[in-house]
Every structure is written in C-alpha cells, then in structure tokens.
C-alpha cells in the first residue's frame, strides 16, 4: 500500500503539495526513527531520507520482503519523542 508523506511535517508548516509517495512500512519507519523537528531540518527531501543510514539499512531489508506481509513498527530508542516508563 502506498501512503503520502509530508516532506515538512504538517505541525511544522508542511503543505499538501509537498508530499511524496512511500510504501506504508517505509513511512512508518521514518516516523518511528525521526522526530518532526529532525524531519523538517535534515530530512526534508526524499533524497535525504534515502541517504540516511537508518533508512538505507531498512530499505535494503524491506526490498527483500514479501509485499503482502504486514510488519510491526517499533519506535527507535534514539527517537526524540521516546518516553521511558517509570518502574
């Protein structure tokens, strides 16, 4: 399934005309890996996203998977919005 990714996040002023198509697993991985500020400042083009080390490794892996398989996405430990649960 193809989704539309805002190259500049909506909450950071992204417009509908500045979207690009992404497969659902890649789109979910982008948002699980990067915060909106980082997406706006560093990864605001498809070329920059593809060049990111975290994405290159994922893209190599996802290309080998069955396109009909559903994948669970987990937020990266390095994600800015990651919350630790109190014990």
Protein backbone atom coordinates (compact mmCIF):
# COMPACT_ATOMS: atom_id res chain seq x y z
CA UNK A 1 0.00 0.00 0.00
CA UNK A 2 1.25 3.48 -0.87
CA UNK A 3 0.89 6.41 1.54
CA UNK A 4 1.70 10.12 1.25
CA UNK A 5 4.49 11.52 3.43
CA UNK A 6 4.74 15.25 4.16
CA UNK A 7 8.38 16.18 3.50
CA UNK A 8 7.93 19.01 6.02
CA UNK A 9 5.69 17.71 8.84
CA UNK A 10 2.22 19.29 8.98
CA UNK A 11 2.78 20.52 12.52
CA UNK A 12 5.91 22.30 11.26
CA UNK A 13 4.09 24.03 8.38
CA UNK A 14 4.06 21.29 5.73
CA UNK A 15 1.66 21.75 2.81
CA UNK A 16 -0.32 19.06 0.97
CA UNK A 17 1.53 19.85 -2.26
CA UNK A 18 4.86 18.94 -0.59
CA UNK A 19 4.10 15.25 -0.14
CA UNK A 20 5.75 12.22 -1.65
CA UNK A 21 4.59 8.64 -2.07
CA UNK A 22 6.03 5.99 0.24
CA UNK A 23 5.17 2.40 0.95
CA UNK A 24 3.48 2.01 4.33
CA UNK A 25 6.41 0.17 6.03
CA UNK A 26 8.90 2.87 4.95
CA UNK A 27 6.56 5.67 6.02
CA UNK A 28 6.05 4.08 9.42
CA UNK A 29 9.81 3.54 9.78
CA UNK A 30 10.52 7.21 9.00
CA UNK A 31 8.20 8.38 11.79
CA UNK A 32 9.42 5.72 14.22
CA UNK A 33 13.03 6.80 13.63
CA UNK A 34 12.95 10.59 13.27
CA UNK A 35 11.17 13.36 15.18
CA UNK A 36 9.33 16.12 13.33
CA UNK A 37 12.00 18.76 14.00
CA UNK A 38 14.67 16.46 12.55
CA UNK A 39 12.45 15.68 9.55
CA UNK A 40 11.94 19.39 8.91
CA UNK A 41 15.58 20.43 9.31
CA UNK A 42 17.58 17.48 7.99
CA UNK A 43 15.39 15.01 6.10
CA UNK A 44 13.04 17.29 4.14
CA UNK A 45 13.59 15.63 0.76
CA UNK A 46 13.20 12.07 -0.45
CA UNK A 47 16.89 12.00 -1.41
CA UNK A 48 17.95 12.96 2.12
CA UNK A 49 15.66 10.33 3.63
CA UNK A 50 17.03 7.61 1.33
CA UNK A 51 20.60 8.64 2.20
CA UNK A 52 20.05 8.45 5.98
CA UNK A 53 21.94 5.46 7.40
CA UNK A 54 18.88 4.30 9.36
CA UNK A 55 16.79 4.29 6.18
CA UNK A 56 19.40 2.75 3.85
CA UNK A 57 19.61 -0.34 6.04
CA UNK A 58 15.81 -0.59 6.31
CA UNK A 59 15.31 -0.10 2.55
CA UNK A 60 17.80 -2.89 1.77
CA UNK A 61 15.89 -5.19 4.12
CA UNK A 62 12.32 -4.26 3.09
CA UNK A 63 13.05 -4.79 -0.61
CA UNK A 64 13.63 -8.49 0.12
CA UNK A 65 10.30 -8.94 1.92
CA UNK A 66 7.01 -10.21 0.53
CA UNK A 67 4.99 -7.08 -0.36
CA UNK A 68 1.82 -8.60 1.13
CA UNK A 69 3.34 -9.09 4.59
CA UNK A 70 2.35 -6.78 7.44
CA UNK A 71 5.14 -5.51 9.71
CA UNK A 72 5.16 -4.25 13.26
CA UNK A 73 6.96 -0.93 13.70
CA UNK A 74 8.66 -0.03 16.98
CA UNK A 75 9.83 3.48 17.86
CA UNK A 76 13.60 3.83 17.85
CA UNK A 77 15.38 4.19 21.20
CA UNK A 78 17.03 7.31 19.78
CA UNK A 79 13.72 8.93 18.79
CA UNK A 80 13.25 12.35 20.36
CA UNK A 81 9.69 11.51 21.47
CA UNK A 82 10.62 8.21 23.12
CA UNK A 83 9.16 8.04 26.62
CA UNK A 84 10.53 5.71 29.26
CA UNK A 85 8.06 4.04 31.54
CA UNK A 86 8.52 4.54 35.24
CA UNK A 87 9.11 1.28 37.10
